[in-house]
């Protein structure tokens, strides 16, 4: 009698040669998710291979894939750690293996790895309309947190005093500013460190980091990408992935500097994923005409909650 192969081997770290298979699994799994949510006309495109390179490099040893008996990918989980902040995404199980318990395994392996690495906050984001996902993650110990709201604003040419690009600096000054970014982030969100994300972004040429100083002191920074998300498409917007600001005024000036960068690069829009906890920044952007594009539900492991923060610290938990 013929029996379906249910072998699962892993986890192992993916290589660049796995990106085409990651793209197929990603597109098929999320397209099926939309179909089950009542949107059969949605086809999720492949990601730009450079975005996968960033995801794998950023996750490091937390980049995990699982294979079947033939060696084909059946699941993946990109598990990221920024100091003590840990999060997972994207992650998916091949359509024919869903419902077999593999999803629980890959999330469990991700949690275990983050715990071993000393993460004190562990979370992920999912679509708020997808009740199956919310229930699934809740049974694994996650609890709903704030919405992450994707906002889009128009590029606007402007001169922001005290702003500079990290990528324009020489090696010595760049190292000093990276350390200043680390110290500022640690002061506002103790234990969080975005240094690796900043370095990988510059190394892969995906974007840059806007620095904002006042009287010679770093007051904030914004990490942004301009590389297109979807494979085969041109650059469409400037996306802010991380924003750290000592106060709301600095955060707003950083966003304005990013809008100026977009205008300089002849991009029409700036996109920012704003956590609901940053209500002050959210309100000022809405008042300035920014538009709501999308929402995600942030879910955080009950045993590893997010600590209180000072200033404005936005951390994108999606690639």
Protein backbone atom coordinates (compact mmCIF):
# COMPACT_ATOMS: atom_id res chain seq x y z
CA UNK A 1 0.00 0.00 0.00
CA UNK A 2 1.29 3.49 -0.94
CA UNK A 3 1.80 5.86 1.96
CA UNK A 4 2.54 9.56 1.83
CA UNK A 5 6.03 10.52 2.95
CA UNK A 6 5.73 12.28 6.31
CA UNK A 7 9.47 12.46 6.98
CA UNK A 8 10.72 15.74 8.44
CA UNK A 9 14.42 16.43 8.88
CA UNK A 10 15.83 19.59 10.45
CA UNK A 11 16.20 22.20 11.49
CA UNK A 12 19.16 23.30 9.39
CA UNK A 13 20.37 26.69 8.20
CA UNK A 14 19.39 27.58 4.61
CA UNK A 15 21.87 28.69 1.97
CA UNK A 16 21.48 31.07 -0.97
CA UNK A 17 20.73 28.10 -3.23
CA UNK A 18 17.57 27.46 -1.17
CA UNK A 19 16.04 30.87 -2.00
CA UNK A 20 14.01 29.67 -5.05
CA UNK A 21 12.49 26.88 -2.93
CA UNK A 22 11.85 29.31 -0.06
CA UNK A 23 10.08 31.62 -2.48
CA UNK A 24 7.83 28.86 -3.82
CA UNK A 25 6.90 27.66 -0.35
CA UNK A 26 6.35 31.23 0.88
CA UNK A 27 4.13 32.19 -2.07
CA UNK A 28 2.08 28.97 -2.07
CA UNK A 29 1.52 28.92 1.71
CA UNK A 30 0.47 32.57 2.01
CA UNK A 31 -1.67 32.41 -1.13
CA UNK A 32 -3.49 29.44 0.42
CA UNK A 33 -3.87 31.42 3.64
CA UNK A 34 -5.61 34.23 1.75
CA UNK A 35 -7.83 31.69 -0.06
CA UNK A 36 -8.94 30.20 3.27
CA UNK A 37 -9.62 33.72 4.54
CA UNK A 38 -12.06 34.29 1.67
CA UNK A 39 -9.74 36.06 -0.78
CA UNK A 40 -9.20 33.48 -3.57
CA UNK A 41 -8.06 36.11 -6.08
CA UNK A 42 -4.93 37.05 -4.14
CA UNK A 43 -1.66 35.59 -5.36
CA UNK A 44 1.29 36.36 -3.09
CA UNK A 45 4.34 37.23 -5.24
CA UNK A 46 7.83 35.89 -4.78
CA UNK A 47 10.12 38.04 -2.67
CA UNK A 48 13.15 39.81 -4.08
CA UNK A 49 16.04 37.33 -3.57
CA UNK A 50 18.05 40.10 -1.89
CA UNK A 51 15.32 40.37 0.75
CA UNK A 52 15.77 36.66 1.43
CA UNK A 53 19.52 37.20 1.69
CA UNK A 54 18.86 39.89 4.28
CA UNK A 55 16.41 37.69 6.21
CA UNK A 56 18.84 34.77 6.32
CA UNK A 57 21.81 36.95 7.29
CA UNK A 58 19.81 38.82 9.93
CA UNK A 59 18.52 35.59 11.48
CA UNK A 60 21.99 33.98 11.42
CA UNK A 61 21.83 30.64 13.20
CA UNK A 62 18.14 31.35 13.79
CA UNK A 63 17.38 30.85 10.07
CA UNK A 64 15.81 27.39 10.02
CA UNK A 65 14.45 25.08 7.33
CA UNK A 66 13.02 21.56 7.45
CA UNK A 67 13.05 18.99 4.62
CA UNK A 68 11.12 15.92 3.58
CA UNK A 69 12.52 12.52 2.68
CA UNK A 70 13.50 13.75 -0.80
CA UNK A 71 15.32 16.76 0.57
CA UNK A 72 12.66 19.25 -0.52
CA UNK A 73 11.69 22.09 1.82
CA UNK A 74 8.56 21.47 3.90
CA UNK A 75 8.81 24.42 6.31
CA UNK A 76 10.92 27.40 7.31
CA UNK A 77 11.15 29.86 10.19
CA UNK A 78 13.33 32.97 10.11
CA UNK A 79 14.04 33.57 13.82
CA UNK A 80 15.62 36.93 14.63
CA UNK A 81 17.27 38.32 17.73
CA UNK A 82 18.13 41.98 18.29
CA UNK A 83 19.86 41.80 21.65
CA UNK A 84 17.18 40.65 24.07
CA UNK A 85 14.34 41.20 21.58
CA UNK A 86 13.44 38.04 19.67
CA UNK A 87 10.84 37.54 16.96
CA UNK A 88 9.90 35.12 14.20
CA UNK A 89 9.02 35.86 10.61
CA UNK A 90 8.41 34.96 7.97
CA UNK A 91 7.54 31.35 8.74
CA UNK A 92 5.44 28.86 6.81
CA UNK A 93 4.62 25.18 6.33
CA UNK A 94 4.16 23.65 2.88
CA UNK A 95 0.47 23.39 2.01
CA UNK A 96 0.42 19.57 1.84
CA UNK A 97 2.00 19.32 5.32
CA UNK A 98 -0.27 21.79 7.11
CA UNK A 99 -2.39 20.32 9.88
CA UNK A 100 0.21 17.66 10.68
CA UNK A 101 1.71 19.31 13.76
CA UNK A 102 4.71 20.65 11.87
CA UNK A 103 3.70 24.26 12.52
CA UNK A 104 3.85 23.66 16.27
CA UNK A 105 7.28 22.09 15.88
CA UNK A 106 8.85 24.95 13.92
CA UNK A 107 7.46 27.59 16.29
CA UNK A 108 8.60 25.54 19.28
CA UNK A 109 12.10 25.22 17.84
CA UNK A 110 12.15 28.97 17.28
CA UNK A 111 11.12 29.67 20.86
CA UNK A 112 13.72 27.26 22.20
CA UNK A 113 16.50 28.85 20.15
CA UNK A 114 15.58 32.36 21.31
CA UNK A 115 15.47 31.20 24.92
CA UNK A 116 18.92 29.64 24.55
CA UNK A 117 20.17 32.94 23.12
CA UNK A 118 18.90 34.87 26.14
CA UNK A 119 15.97 36.69 24.53
CA UNK A 120 13.68 38.19 27.15
CA UNK A 121 11.00 39.27 24.65
CA UNK A 122 9.70 36.69 22.15
CA UNK A 123 6.98 37.47 19.65
CA UNK A 124 5.69 37.48 16.10
CA UNK A 125 3.04 39.15 13.99
CA UNK A 126 0.06 37.69 12.17
CA UNK A 127 -2.93 38.98 10.24
CA UNK A 128 -5.64 40.07 12.70
CA UNK A 129 -8.44 38.68 10.54
CA UNK A 130 -6.94 35.18 10.55
CA UNK A 131 -8.58 33.65 13.60
CA UNK A 132 -7.03 30.23 12.94
CA UNK A 133 -3.53 31.69 13.28
CA UNK A 134 -4.44 33.68 16.38
CA UNK A 135 -5.89 30.58 18.02
CA UNK A 136 -2.88 28.48 16.98
CA UNK A 137 -0.34 30.90 18.46
CA UNK A 138 -2.47 31.42 21.56
CA UNK A 139 -2.40 27.67 22.28
CA UNK A 140 1.40 27.86 22.13
CA UNK A 141 1.49 30.52 24.84
CA UNK A 142 1.37 33.74 22.82
CA UNK A 143 -0.97 36.55 23.83
CA UNK A 144 -2.32 39.39 21.69
CA UNK A 145 -0.54 42.70 21.98
CA UNK A 146 -0.91 45.96 20.06
CA UNK A 147 -1.71 46.28 16.39
CA UNK A 148 1.14 47.17 14.10
CA UNK A 149 -0.30 49.61 11.58
CA UNK A 150 1.40 50.14 8.24
CA UNK A 151 1.25 53.82 7.32
CA UNK A 152 2.22 55.39 4.02
CA UNK A 153 3.15 59.01 3.45
CA UNK A 154 4.29 61.01 0.45
CA UNK A 155 7.92 61.77 -0.29
CA UNK A 156 8.70 65.41 0.42
CA UNK A 157 11.91 67.27 -0.27
CA UNK A 158 13.16 68.98 2.87
CA UNK A 159 16.37 69.95 4.61
CA UNK A 160 16.60 68.44 8.09
CA UNK A 161 19.30 70.06 10.17
CA UNK A 162 21.62 67.64 11.94
CA UNK A 163 20.81 64.66 9.73
CA UNK A 164 23.40 62.42 8.07
CA UNK A 165 23.58 59.00 6.42
CA UNK A 166 25.57 56.26 8.10
CA UNK A 167 26.64 54.89 4.73
CA UNK A 168 28.37 58.18 3.86
CA UNK A 169 30.78 57.96 6.80
CA UNK A 170 34.30 56.60 6.81
CA UNK A 171 35.08 53.37 8.63
CA UNK A 172 36.19 54.95 11.90
CA UNK A 173 33.31 57.40 12.16
CA UNK A 174 30.84 54.73 11.07
CA UNK A 175 31.99 52.44 13.89
CA UNK A 176 31.61 55.28 16.39
CA UNK A 177 28.08 56.04 15.19
CA UNK A 178 27.11 52.36 15.30
CA UNK A 179 28.17 52.32 18.92
CA UNK A 180 26.21 55.52 19.57
CA UNK A 181 23.13 53.88 18.00
CA UNK A 182 23.60 50.85 20.24
CA UNK A 183 23.91 52.97 23.37
CA UNK A 184 20.87 55.10 22.52
CA UNK A 185 18.73 52.02 21.82
CA UNK A 186 19.86 50.37 25.05
CA UNK A 187 19.00 53.50 27.04
CA UNK A 188 15.47 53.69 25.63
CA UNK A 189 14.79 49.94 25.33
CA UNK A 190 17.23 48.14 27.66
CA UNK A 191 18.86 45.11 26.07
CA UNK A 192 17.69 45.82 22.51
CA UNK A 193 20.44 46.11 19.88
CA UNK A 194 19.90 46.74 16.16
CA UNK A 195 23.59 46.86 15.19
CA UNK A 196 23.49 43.71 13.08
CA UNK A 197 20.50 44.94 11.04
CA UNK A 198 22.25 48.25 10.38
CA UNK A 199 25.47 46.56 9.27
CA UNK A 200 23.77 43.99 7.03
CA UNK A 201 21.65 46.66 5.33
CA UNK A 202 24.78 48.58 4.35
CA UNK A 203 26.71 45.44 3.37
CA UNK A 204 23.94 44.26 1.01
CA UNK A 205 23.18 47.74 -0.36
CA UNK A 206 19.49 47.53 0.52
CA UNK A 207 19.21 51.00 2.04
CA UNK A 208 20.87 53.15 4.67
CA UNK A 209 20.52 54.64 8.15
CA UNK A 210 19.53 58.25 8.80
CA UNK A 211 21.23 59.72 11.87
CA UNK A 212 19.94 62.78 13.70
CA UNK A 213 22.25 64.70 16.00
CA UNK A 214 21.81 67.73 18.22
CA UNK A 215 24.80 69.53 19.76
CA UNK A 216 27.02 66.62 18.78
CA UNK A 217 24.84 64.04 20.52
CA UNK A 218 22.91 61.33 18.66
CA UNK A 219 19.20 61.88 19.29
CA UNK A 220 17.79 59.23 16.98
CA UNK A 221 18.22 57.06 13.91
CA UNK A 222 16.07 55.34 11.31
CA UNK A 223 17.03 52.21 9.37
CA UNK A 224 15.38 52.11 5.94
CA UNK A 225 15.34 50.01 2.78
CA UNK A 226 14.61 51.02 -0.79
CA UNK A 227 15.23 47.64 -2.45
CA UNK A 228 11.94 46.32 -3.88
CA UNK A 229 10.16 43.66 -1.82
CA UNK A 230 8.69 41.70 -4.73
CA UNK A 231 10.84 39.85 -7.22
CA UNK A 232 10.99 41.46 -10.66
CA UNK A 233 9.58 44.82 -9.61
CA UNK A 234 11.25 48.19 -9.42
CA UNK A 235 11.70 50.20 -6.23
CA UNK A 236 8.33 51.55 -5.11
CA UNK A 237 8.87 53.17 -1.72
CA UNK A 238 11.26 53.78 1.14
CA UNK A 239 10.46 51.45 4.04
CA UNK A 240 11.48 52.31 7.61
CA UNK A 241 12.35 49.08 9.45
CA UNK A 242 13.71 50.44 12.73
CA UNK A 243 13.27 53.86 14.29
CA UNK A 244 14.81 54.92 17.59
CA UNK A 245 14.24 58.46 18.90
CA UNK A 246 14.78 60.08 22.25
CA UNK A 247 11.40 61.86 22.02
CA UNK A 248 8.41 62.42 19.76
CA UNK A 249 9.82 65.57 18.15
CA UNK A 250 12.96 63.67 17.13
CA UNK A 251 10.88 60.79 15.79
CA UNK A 252 8.85 63.17 13.62
CA UNK A 253 12.04 64.81 12.30
CA UNK A 254 13.45 61.36 11.45
CA UNK A 255 10.33 60.53 9.48
CA UNK A 256 10.64 63.86 7.64
CA UNK A 257 14.29 63.05 6.86
CA UNK A 258 13.21 59.67 5.47
CA UNK A 259 10.58 61.40 3.31
CA UNK A 260 13.32 63.67 1.99
CA UNK A 261 15.48 60.62 1.21
CA UNK A 262 12.59 59.12 -0.74
CA UNK A 263 12.19 62.34 -2.74
CA UNK A 264 15.93 62.42 -3.42
CA UNK A 265 15.72 58.88 -4.79
CA UNK A 266 12.61 59.73 -6.84
CA UNK A 267 10.42 57.37 -4.88
CA UNK A 268 6.83 58.45 -4.37
CA UNK A 269 6.18 57.16 -0.87
CA UNK A 270 7.54 56.36 2.58
CA UNK A 271 6.17 53.36 4.50
CA UNK A 272 6.35 52.92 8.26
CA UNK A 273 5.06 50.07 10.43
CA UNK A 274 3.92 51.82 13.59
CA UNK A 275 3.14 49.85 16.73
CA UNK A 276 -0.04 50.92 18.50
CA UNK A 277 2.00 51.70 21.60
CA UNK A 278 3.53 54.65 19.72
CA UNK A 279 0.22 56.50 19.77
CA UNK A 280 1.82 59.95 19.77
CA UNK A 281 3.76 59.35 16.55
CA UNK A 282 0.79 57.59 14.97
CA UNK A 283 -1.46 60.56 15.70
CA UNK A 284 0.95 63.13 14.29
CA UNK A 285 1.40 61.12 11.09
CA UNK A 286 -2.35 60.72 10.60
CA UNK A 287 -2.78 64.46 11.12
CA UNK A 288 -0.06 65.04 8.51
CA UNK A 289 -2.04 63.06 5.94
CA UNK A 290 -0.43 59.63 6.19
CA UNK A 291 -2.70 56.78 5.09
CA UNK A 292 -3.38 53.43 6.76
CA UNK A 293 -2.36 50.59 4.42
CA UNK A 294 -2.41 47.39 6.48
CA UNK A 295 -2.64 46.00 10.00
CA UNK A 296 -0.88 43.15 11.76
CA UNK A 297 -1.50 41.78 15.23
CA UNK A 298 1.58 41.59 17.42
CA UNK A 299 1.53 38.48 19.61
CA UNK A 300 4.01 38.05 22.45
CA UNK A 301 4.89 34.95 24.44
CA UNK A 302 3.30 35.36 27.86
CA UNK A 303 6.46 34.17 29.62
CA UNK A 304 8.64 36.63 27.64
CA UNK A 305 6.77 39.96 27.56
CA UNK A 306 7.88 43.25 26.04
CA UNK A 307 9.31 45.61 28.68
CA UNK A 308 8.35 49.28 28.98
CA UNK A 309 10.29 51.69 26.77
CA UNK A 310 11.19 55.36 26.80
CA UNK A 311 11.15 57.69 23.83
CA UNK A 312 10.00 56.15 20.54
CA UNK A 313 11.33 52.73 19.52
CA UNK A 314 9.77 51.06 16.48
CA UNK A 315 10.96 47.58 15.52
CA UNK A 316 9.64 45.96 12.38
CA UNK A 317 8.84 42.28 13.06
CA UNK A 318 8.43 41.52 9.36
CA UNK A 319 11.05 41.47 6.63
